[in-house]
Amino acid sequence: MKSRKNLTRFTYETAAFEGWRLCVSRSGTTFTKYFSDKKHGSEKKALKAAEETKMRLLKIVDHSRRVNGKLSKTTIEKIHKLLEAS
C-alpha cells in the first residue's frame, strides 16, 4: 500500500516494526503515533485505525482555539489523550 497524506507506511525487512505512522503538524506542534500491523492484526486494520485517529485529530485541531497563533494547552492535552487511547 502507498503512503497517504499524513500517513506513512513503514515496511522494512530488517526492522522489527511494520505498520503506519500518523504525523500531523499544525500551528507549530507536531503529533505522531505509530500503528503496528502486529497490534492491530493486519496492515488494513492498522491503516483503518490510523485513518480514524487522523480524522478525529484533525476535527479537534480544526475546531480548536488558537492562542497567539498556536494551539492552546488544553487542545494539545486533548490530542495527546486521543493518541494514547488509540
PDB file of N, CA and C in Angstrom:
ATOM      1  N   MET A   1       0.836  -1.186   0.000  1.00  0.00           N
ATOM      2  CA  MET A   1       0.000   0.000   0.000  1.00  0.00           C
ATOM      3  C   MET A   1       0.876   1.242   0.000  1.00  0.00           C
ATOM      4  N   LYS A   2       0.371   2.272  -0.635  1.00  0.00           N
ATOM      5  CA  LYS A   2       1.111   3.519  -0.724  1.00  0.00           C
ATOM      6  C   LYS A   2       0.815   4.422   0.470  1.00  0.00           C
ATOM      7  N   SER A   3       1.736   5.312   0.727  1.00  0.00           N
ATOM      8  CA  SER A   3       1.546   6.310   1.769  1.00  0.00           C
ATOM      9  C   SER A   3       0.433   7.266   1.361  1.00  0.00           C
ATOM     10  N   ARG A   4      -0.198   7.847   2.348  1.00  0.00           N
ATOM     11  CA  ARG A   4      -1.263   8.820   2.132  1.00  0.00           C
ATOM     12  C   ARG A   4      -0.924  10.079   2.904  1.00  0.00           C
ATOM     13  N   LYS A   5      -1.670  11.136   2.670  1.00  0.00           N
ATOM     14  CA  LYS A   5      -1.374  12.396   3.354  1.00  0.00           C
ATOM     15  C   LYS A   5      -1.410  12.201   4.865  1.00  0.00           C
ATOM     16  N   ASN A   6      -0.346  12.557   5.539  1.00  0.00           N
ATOM     17  CA  ASN A   6      -0.136  12.450   6.970  1.00  0.00           C
ATOM     18  C   ASN A   6       0.040  11.009   7.461  1.00  0.00           C
ATOM     19  N   LEU A   7       0.018  10.035   6.557  1.00  0.00           N
ATOM     20  CA  LEU A   7       0.227   8.627   6.917  1.00  0.00           C
ATOM     21  C   LEU A   7       1.354   8.062   6.071  1.00  0.00           C
ATOM     22  N   THR A   8       2.313   7.425   6.718  1.00  0.00           N
ATOM     23  CA  THR A   8       3.463   6.848   6.025  1.00  0.00           C
ATOM     24  C   THR A   8       3.541   5.370   6.362  1.00  0.00           C
ATOM     25  N   ARG A   9       3.755   4.552   5.352  1.00  0.00           N
ATOM     26  CA  ARG A   9       3.867   3.104   5.543  1.00  0.00           C
ATOM     27  C   ARG A   9       5.321   2.755   5.846  1.00  0.00           C
ATOM     28  N   PHE A  10       5.546   1.980   6.916  1.00  0.00           N
ATOM     29  CA  PHE A  10       6.869   1.502   7.272  1.00  0.00           C
ATOM     30  C   PHE A  10       6.893  -0.011   7.107  1.00  0.00           C
ATOM     31  N   THR A  11       7.675  -0.488   6.151  1.00  0.00           N
ATOM     32  CA  THR A  11       7.866  -1.919   5.932  1.00  0.00           C
ATOM     33  C   THR A  11       9.339  -2.137   5.638  1.00  0.00           C
ATOM     34  N   TYR A  12      10.037  -2.692   6.590  1.00  0.00           N
ATOM     35  CA  TYR A  12      11.458  -2.964   6.437  1.00  0.00           C
ATOM     36  C   TYR A  12      11.709  -4.441   6.707  1.00  0.00           C
ATOM     37  N   GLU A  13      12.527  -5.052   5.895  1.00  0.00           N
ATOM     38  CA  GLU A  13      12.845  -6.457   6.095  1.00  0.00           C
ATOM     39  C   GLU A  13      13.695  -6.678   7.340  1.00  0.00           C
ATOM     40  N   THR A  14      14.528  -5.710   7.685  1.00  0.00           N
ATOM     41  CA  THR A  14      15.460  -5.887   8.797  1.00  0.00           C
ATOM     42  C   THR A  14      14.983  -5.252  10.103  1.00  0.00           C
ATOM     43  N   ALA A  15      13.857  -4.567  10.093  1.00  0.00           N
ATOM     44  CA  ALA A  15      13.380  -3.899  11.307  1.00  0.00           C
ATOM     45  C   ALA A  15      12.246  -4.694  11.943  1.00  0.00           C
ATOM     46  N   ALA A  16      12.067  -4.488  13.226  1.00  0.00           N
ATOM     47  CA  ALA A  16      11.020  -5.191  13.960  1.00  0.00           C
ATOM     48  C   ALA A  16       9.645  -4.555  13.742  1.00  0.00           C
ATOM     49  N   PHE A  17       9.592  -3.285  13.343  1.00  0.00           N
ATOM     50  CA  PHE A  17       8.307  -2.591  13.198  1.00  0.00           C
ATOM     51  C   PHE A  17       7.820  -2.608  11.757  1.00  0.00           C
ATOM     52  N   GLU A  18       6.569  -2.993  11.590  1.00  0.00           N
ATOM     53  CA  GLU A  18       5.876  -2.838  10.311  1.00  0.00           C
ATOM     54  C   GLU A  18       4.520  -2.245  10.627  1.00  0.00           C
ATOM     55  N   GLY A  19       4.180  -1.168   9.954  1.00  0.00           N
ATOM     56  CA  GLY A  19       2.898  -0.536  10.204  1.00  0.00           C
ATOM     57  C   GLY A  19       2.842   0.856   9.605  1.00  0.00           C
ATOM     58  N   TRP A  20       1.962   1.673  10.168  1.00  0.00           N
ATOM     59  CA  TRP A  20       1.710   3.031   9.682  1.00  0.00           C
ATOM     60  C   TRP A  20       2.105   4.052  10.730  1.00  0.00           C
ATOM     61  N   ARG A  21       2.621   5.186  10.258  1.00  0.00           N
ATOM     62  CA  ARG A  21       2.939   6.307  11.143  1.00  0.00           C
ATOM     63  C   ARG A  21       2.037   7.467  10.773  1.00  0.00           C
ATOM     64  N   LEU A  22       1.325   7.978  11.762  1.00  0.00           N
ATOM     65  CA  LEU A  22       0.498   9.163  11.609  1.00  0.00           C
ATOM     66  C   LEU A  22       1.305  10.345  12.110  1.00  0.00           C
ATOM     67  N   CYS A  23       1.468  11.357  11.288  1.00  0.00           N
ATOM     68  CA  CYS A  23       2.228  12.542  11.677  1.00  0.00           C
ATOM     69  C   CYS A  23       1.504  13.781  11.151  1.00  0.00           C
ATOM     70  N   VAL A  24       1.023  14.609  12.080  1.00  0.00           N
ATOM     71  CA  VAL A  24       0.289  15.821  11.723  1.00  0.00           C
ATOM     72  C   VAL A  24       0.947  17.002  12.412  1.00  0.00           C
ATOM     73  N   SER A  25       1.255  18.045  11.648  1.00  0.00           N
ATOM     74  CA  SER A  25       1.823  19.280  12.197  1.00  0.00           C
ATOM     75  C   SER A  25       0.852  20.425  11.953  1.00  0.00           C
ATOM     76  N   ARG A  26       0.523  21.107  13.034  1.00  0.00           N
ATOM     77  CA  ARG A  26      -0.361  22.263  12.930  1.00  0.00           C
ATOM     78  C   ARG A  26       0.079  23.312  13.937  1.00  0.00           C
ATOM     79  N   SER A  27       0.112  24.538  13.511  1.00  0.00           N
ATOM     80  CA  SER A  27       0.383  25.689  14.375  1.00  0.00           C
ATOM     81  C   SER A  27       1.620  25.502  15.244  1.00  0.00           C
ATOM     82  N   GLY A  28       2.671  24.945  14.666  1.00  0.00           N
ATOM     83  CA  GLY A  28       3.929  24.798  15.379  1.00  0.00           C
ATOM     84  C   GLY A  28       4.025  23.583  16.283  1.00  0.00           C
ATOM     85  N   THR A  29       3.030  22.701  16.266  1.00  0.00           N
ATOM     86  CA  THR A  29       3.040  21.498  17.098  1.00  0.00           C
ATOM     87  C   THR A  29       2.904  20.277  16.203  1.00  0.00           C
ATOM     88  N   THR A  30       3.715  19.252  16.471  1.00  0.00           N
ATOM     89  CA  THR A  30       3.672  18.016  15.689  1.00  0.00           C
ATOM     90  C   THR A  30       3.173  16.882  16.567  1.00  0.00           C
ATOM     91  N   PHE A  31       2.242  16.100  16.025  1.00  0.00           N
ATOM     92  CA  PHE A  31       1.690  14.944  16.712  1.00  0.00           C
ATOM     93  C   PHE A  31       2.035  13.702  15.900  1.00  0.00           C
ATOM     94  N   THR A  32       2.585  12.677  16.574  1.00  0.00           N
ATOM     95  CA  THR A  32       2.999  11.460  15.895  1.00  0.00           C
ATOM     96  C   THR A  32       2.503  10.245  16.671  1.00  0.00           C
ATOM     97  N   LYS A  33       2.016   9.245  15.935  1.00  0.00           N
ATOM     98  CA  LYS A  33       1.566   7.991  16.538  1.00  0.00           C
ATOM     99  C   LYS A  33       1.837   6.868  15.547  1.00  0.00           C
ATOM    100  N   TYR A  34       2.325   5.731  16.053  1.00  0.00           N
ATOM    101  CA  TYR A  34       2.596   4.571  15.221  1.00  0.00           C
ATOM    102  C   TYR A  34       1.497   3.530  15.402  1.00  0.00           C
ATOM    103  N   PHE A  35       1.077   2.905  14.306  1.00  0.00           N
ATOM    104  CA  PHE A  35       0.044   1.884  14.306  1.00  0.00           C
ATOM    105  C   PHE A  35       0.641   0.603  13.738  1.00  0.00           C
ATOM    106  N   SER A  36       0.923  -0.348  14.621  1.00  0.00           N
ATOM    107  CA  SER A  36       1.594  -1.588  14.256  1.00  0.00           C
ATOM    108  C   SER A  36       0.629  -2.587  13.617  1.00  0.00           C
ATOM    109  N   ASP A  37       1.089  -3.255  12.544  1.00  0.00           N
ATOM    110  CA  ASP A  37       0.303  -4.319  11.930  1.00  0.00           C
ATOM    111  C   ASP A  37       0.067  -5.442  12.930  1.00  0.00           C
ATOM    112  N   LYS A  38       1.084  -5.749  13.708  1.00  0.00           N
ATOM    113  CA  LYS A  38       1.001  -6.852  14.667  1.00  0.00           C
ATOM    114  C   LYS A  38      -0.058  -6.562  15.732  1.00  0.00           C
ATOM    115  N   LYS A  39      -0.067  -5.346  16.253  1.00  0.00           N
ATOM    116  CA  LYS A  39      -1.014  -4.978  17.306  1.00  0.00           C
ATOM    117  C   LYS A  39      -2.451  -4.969  16.789  1.00  0.00           C
ATOM    118  N   HIS A  40      -2.650  -4.501  15.561  1.00  0.00           N
ATOM    119  CA  HIS A  40      -3.996  -4.356  15.006  1.00  0.00           C
ATOM    120  C   HIS A  40      -4.459  -5.581  14.218  1.00  0.00           C
ATOM    121  N   GLY A  41      -3.575  -6.527  13.966  1.00  0.00           N
ATOM    122  CA  GLY A  41      -3.974  -7.767  13.325  1.00  0.00           C
ATOM    123  C   GLY A  41      -3.638  -7.886  11.855  1.00  0.00           C
ATOM    124  N   SER A  42      -3.580  -6.774  11.151  1.00  0.00           N
ATOM    125  CA  SER A  42      -3.216  -6.793   9.730  1.00  0.00           C
ATOM    126  C   SER A  42      -2.876  -5.380   9.279  1.00  0.00           C
ATOM    127  N   GLU A  43      -2.319  -5.302   8.078  1.00  0.00           N
ATOM    128  CA  GLU A  43      -1.959  -3.998   7.510  1.00  0.00           C
ATOM    129  C   GLU A  43      -3.200  -3.136   7.297  1.00  0.00           C
ATOM    130  N   LYS A  44      -4.274  -3.741   6.797  1.00  0.00           N
ATOM    131  CA  LYS A  44      -5.505  -2.984   6.519  1.00  0.00           C
ATOM    132  C   LYS A  44      -6.160  -2.482   7.807  1.00  0.00           C
ATOM    133  N   LYS A  45      -6.154  -3.306   8.846  1.00  0.00           N
ATOM    134  CA  LYS A  45      -6.746  -2.889  10.118  1.00  0.00           C
ATOM    135  C   LYS A  45      -5.924  -1.775  10.763  1.00  0.00           C
ATOM    136  N   ALA A  46      -4.602  -1.849  10.653  1.00  0.00           N
ATOM    137  CA  ALA A  46      -3.741  -0.796  11.185  1.00  0.00           C
ATOM    138  C   ALA A  46      -3.979   0.514  10.429  1.00  0.00           C
ATOM    139  N   LEU A  47      -4.122   0.420   9.111  1.00  0.00           N
ATOM    140  CA  LEU A  47      -4.413   1.607   8.298  1.00  0.00           C
ATOM    141  C   LEU A  47      -5.760   2.202   8.681  1.00  0.00           C
ATOM    142  N   LYS A  48      -6.763   1.369   8.868  1.00  0.00           N
ATOM    143  CA  LYS A  48      -8.092   1.860   9.245  1.00  0.00           C
ATOM    144  C   LYS A  48      -8.036   2.588  10.583  1.00  0.00           C
ATOM    145  N   ALA A  49      -7.320   2.015  11.564  1.00  0.00           N
ATOM    146  CA  ALA A  49      -7.178   2.661  12.870  1.00  0.00           C
ATOM    147  C   ALA A  49      -6.450   3.997  12.745  1.00  0.00           C
ATOM    148  N   ALA A  50      -5.410   4.029  11.918  1.00  0.00           N
ATOM    149  CA  ALA A  50      -4.651   5.270  11.714  1.00  0.00           C
ATOM    150  C   ALA A  50      -5.516   6.335  11.047  1.00  0.00           C
ATOM    151  N   GLU A  51      -6.301   5.947  10.056  1.00  0.00           N
ATOM    152  CA  GLU A  51      -7.165   6.918   9.368  1.00  0.00           C
ATOM    153  C   GLU A  51      -8.251   7.457  10.290  1.00  0.00           C
ATOM    154  N   GLU A  52      -8.834   6.581  11.106  1.00  0.00           N
ATOM    155  CA  GLU A  52      -9.871   7.033  12.045  1.00  0.00           C
ATOM    156  C   GLU A  52      -9.287   8.011  13.062  1.00  0.00           C
ATOM    157  N   THR A  53      -8.106   7.702  13.572  1.00  0.00           N
ATOM    158  CA  THR A  53      -7.455   8.598  14.527  1.00  0.00           C
ATOM    159  C   THR A  53      -7.101   9.920  13.863  1.00  0.00           C
ATOM    160  N   LYS A  54      -6.634   9.861  12.622  1.00  0.00           N
ATOM    161  CA  LYS A  54      -6.290  11.089  11.894  1.00  0.00           C
ATOM    162  C   LYS A  54      -7.514  11.986  11.741  1.00  0.00           C
ATOM    163  N   MET A  55      -8.653  11.399  11.386  1.00  0.00           N
ATOM    164  CA  MET A  55      -9.867  12.201  11.198  1.00  0.00           C
ATOM    165  C   MET A  55     -10.317  12.840  12.514  1.00  0.00           C
ATOM    166  N   ARG A  56     -10.236  12.088  13.614  1.00  0.00           N
ATOM    167  CA  ARG A  56     -10.604  12.641  14.919  1.00  0.00           C
ATOM    168  C   ARG A  56      -9.638  13.744  15.331  1.00  0.00           C
ATOM    169  N   LEU A  57      -8.343  13.532  15.098  1.00  0.00           N
ATOM    170  CA  LEU A  57      -7.322  14.525  15.441  1.00  0.00           C
ATOM    171  C   LEU A  57      -7.547  15.813  14.651  1.00  0.00           C
ATOM    172  N   LEU A  58      -7.755  15.685  13.353  1.00  0.00           N
ATOM    173  CA  LEU A  58      -7.953  16.874  12.516  1.00  0.00           C
ATOM    174  C   LEU A  58      -9.229  17.617  12.891  1.00  0.00           C
ATOM    175  N   LYS A  59     -10.261  16.879  13.287  1.00  0.00           N
ATOM    176  CA  LYS A  59     -11.509  17.522  13.709  1.00  0.00           C
ATOM    177  C   LYS A  59     -11.263  18.364  14.960  1.00  0.00           C
ATOM    178  N   ILE A  60     -10.500  17.823  15.911  1.00  0.00           N
ATOM    179  CA  ILE A  60     -10.183  18.574  17.128  1.00  0.00           C
ATOM    180  C   ILE A  60      -9.366  19.822  16.784  1.00  0.00           C
ATOM    181  N   VAL A  61      -8.345  19.658  15.951  1.00  0.00           N
ATOM    182  CA  VAL A  61      -7.458  20.773  15.598  1.00  0.00           C
ATOM    183  C   VAL A  61      -8.219  21.855  14.832  1.00  0.00           C
ATOM    184  N   ASP A  62      -9.048  21.455  13.885  1.00  0.00           N
ATOM    185  CA  ASP A  62      -9.761  22.423  13.055  1.00  0.00           C
ATOM    186  C   ASP A  62     -10.777  23.242  13.844  1.00  0.00           C
ATOM    187  N   HIS A  63     -11.314  22.672  14.920  1.00  0.00           N
ATOM    188  CA  HIS A  63     -12.322  23.380  15.714  1.00  0.00           C
ATOM    189  C   HIS A  63     -11.757  23.940  17.017  1.00  0.00           C
ATOM    190  N   SER A  64     -10.444  23.991  17.112  1.00  0.00           N
ATOM    191  CA  SER A  64      -9.832  24.449  18.359  1.00  0.00           C
ATOM    192  C   SER A  64      -9.518  25.944  18.327  1.00  0.00           C
ATOM    193  N   ARG A  65      -9.319  26.457  19.510  1.00  0.00           N
ATOM    194  CA  ARG A  65      -8.975  27.850  19.711  1.00  0.00           C
ATOM    195  C   ARG A  65      -7.465  28.016  19.599  1.00  0.00           C
ATOM    196  N   ARG A  66      -7.028  29.119  19.069  1.00  0.00           N
ATOM    197  CA  ARG A  66      -5.595  29.417  18.971  1.00  0.00           C
ATOM    198  C   ARG A  66      -5.248  30.519  19.963  1.00  0.00           C
ATOM    199  N   VAL A  67      -4.061  30.423  20.553  1.00  0.00           N
ATOM    200  CA  VAL A  67      -3.551  31.444  21.451  1.00  0.00           C
ATOM    201  C   VAL A  67      -2.246  31.930  20.835  1.00  0.00           C
ATOM    202  N   ASN A  68      -2.235  33.177  20.403  1.00  0.00           N
ATOM    203  CA  ASN A  68      -1.068  33.759  19.735  1.00  0.00           C
ATOM    204  C   ASN A  68      -0.621  32.906  18.537  1.00  0.00           C
ATOM    205  N   GLY A  69      -1.581  32.384  17.793  1.00  0.00           N
ATOM    206  CA  GLY A  69      -1.284  31.599  16.596  1.00  0.00           C
ATOM    207  C   GLY A  69      -0.904  30.154  16.857  1.00  0.00           C
ATOM    208  N   LYS A  70      -0.890  29.732  18.105  1.00  0.00           N
ATOM    209  CA  LYS A  70      -0.530  28.353  18.463  1.00  0.00           C
ATOM    210  C   LYS A  70      -1.746  27.658  19.066  1.00  0.00           C
ATOM    211  N   LEU A  71      -1.716  26.323  19.059  1.00  0.00           N
ATOM    212  CA  LEU A  71      -2.791  25.568  19.684  1.00  0.00           C
ATOM    213  C   LEU A  71      -2.762  25.791  21.195  1.00  0.00           C
ATOM    214  N   SER A  72      -3.936  25.827  21.802  1.00  0.00           N
ATOM    215  CA  SER A  72      -3.998  26.026  23.251  1.00  0.00           C
ATOM    216  C   SER A  72      -3.492  24.786  23.976  1.00  0.00           C
ATOM    217  N   LYS A  73      -3.076  24.965  25.202  1.00  0.00           N
ATOM    218  CA  LYS A  73      -2.560  23.862  26.016  1.00  0.00           C
ATOM    219  C   LYS A  73      -3.634  22.787  26.199  1.00  0.00           C
ATOM    220  N   THR A  74      -4.870  23.196  26.381  1.00  0.00           N
ATOM    221  CA  THR A  74      -5.980  22.262  26.544  1.00  0.00           C
ATOM    222  C   THR A  74      -6.163  21.405  25.300  1.00  0.00           C
ATOM    223  N   THR A  75      -6.068  22.009  24.126  1.00  0.00           N
ATOM    224  CA  THR A  75      -6.205  21.279  22.872  1.00  0.00           C
ATOM    225  C   THR A  75      -5.080  20.268  22.718  1.00  0.00           C
ATOM    226  N   ILE A  76      -3.874  20.656  23.030  1.00  0.00           N
ATOM    227  CA  ILE A  76      -2.717  19.756  22.920  1.00  0.00           C
ATOM    228  C   ILE A  76      -2.890  18.567  23.861  1.00  0.00           C
ATOM    229  N   GLU A  77      -3.345  18.825  25.082  1.00  0.00           N
ATOM    230  CA  GLU A  77      -3.582  17.741  26.035  1.00  0.00           C
ATOM    231  C   GLU A  77      -4.672  16.801  25.544  1.00  0.00           C
ATOM    232  N   LYS A  78      -5.737  17.358  24.966  1.00  0.00           N
ATOM    233  CA  LYS A  78      -6.830  16.557  24.443  1.00  0.00           C
ATOM    234  C   LYS A  78      -6.343  15.638  23.307  1.00  0.00           C
ATOM    235  N   ILE A  79      -5.482  16.162  22.462  1.00  0.00           N
ATOM    236  CA  ILE A  79      -4.948  15.372  21.358  1.00  0.00           C
ATOM    237  C   ILE A  79      -4.012  14.280  21.879  1.00  0.00           C
ATOM    238  N   HIS A  80      -3.191  14.586  22.865  1.00  0.00           N
ATOM    239  CA  HIS A  80      -2.309  13.568  23.440  1.00  0.00           C
ATOM    240  C   HIS A  80      -3.120  12.433  24.060  1.00  0.00           C
ATOM    241  N   LYS A  81      -4.224  12.752  24.716  1.00  0.00           N
ATOM    242  CA  LYS A  81      -5.101  11.718  25.287  1.00  0.00           C
ATOM    243  C   LYS A  81      -5.699  10.857  24.170  1.00  0.00           C
ATOM    244  N   LEU A  82      -6.110  11.488  23.077  1.00  0.00           N
ATOM    245  CA  LEU A  82      -6.632  10.748  21.930  1.00  0.00           C
ATOM    246  C   LEU A  82      -5.606   9.784  21.376  1.00  0.00           C
ATOM    247  N   LEU A  83      -4.377  10.248  21.214  1.00  0.00           N
ATOM    248  CA  LEU A  83      -3.327   9.413  20.665  1.00  0.00           C
ATOM    249  C   LEU A  83      -2.966   8.262  21.607  1.00  0.00           C
ATOM    250  N   GLU A  84      -2.975   8.503  22.904  1.00  0.00           N
ATOM    251  CA  GLU A  84      -2.686   7.440  23.866  1.00  0.00           C
ATOM    252  C   GLU A  84      -3.773   6.373  23.849  1.00  0.00           C
ATOM    253  N   ALA A  85      -5.022   6.800  23.690  1.00  0.00           N
ATOM    254  CA  ALA A  85      -6.140   5.865  23.711  1.00  0.00           C
ATOM    255  C   ALA A  85      -6.248   5.018  22.431  1.00  0.00           C
ATOM    256  N   SER A  86      -5.678   5.501  21.342  1.00  0.00           N
ATOM    257  CA  SER A  86      -5.816   4.763  20.076  1.00  0.00           C
ATOM    258  C   SER A  86      -4.745   3.715  19.912  1.00  0.00           C
TER     259      SER A  86
END
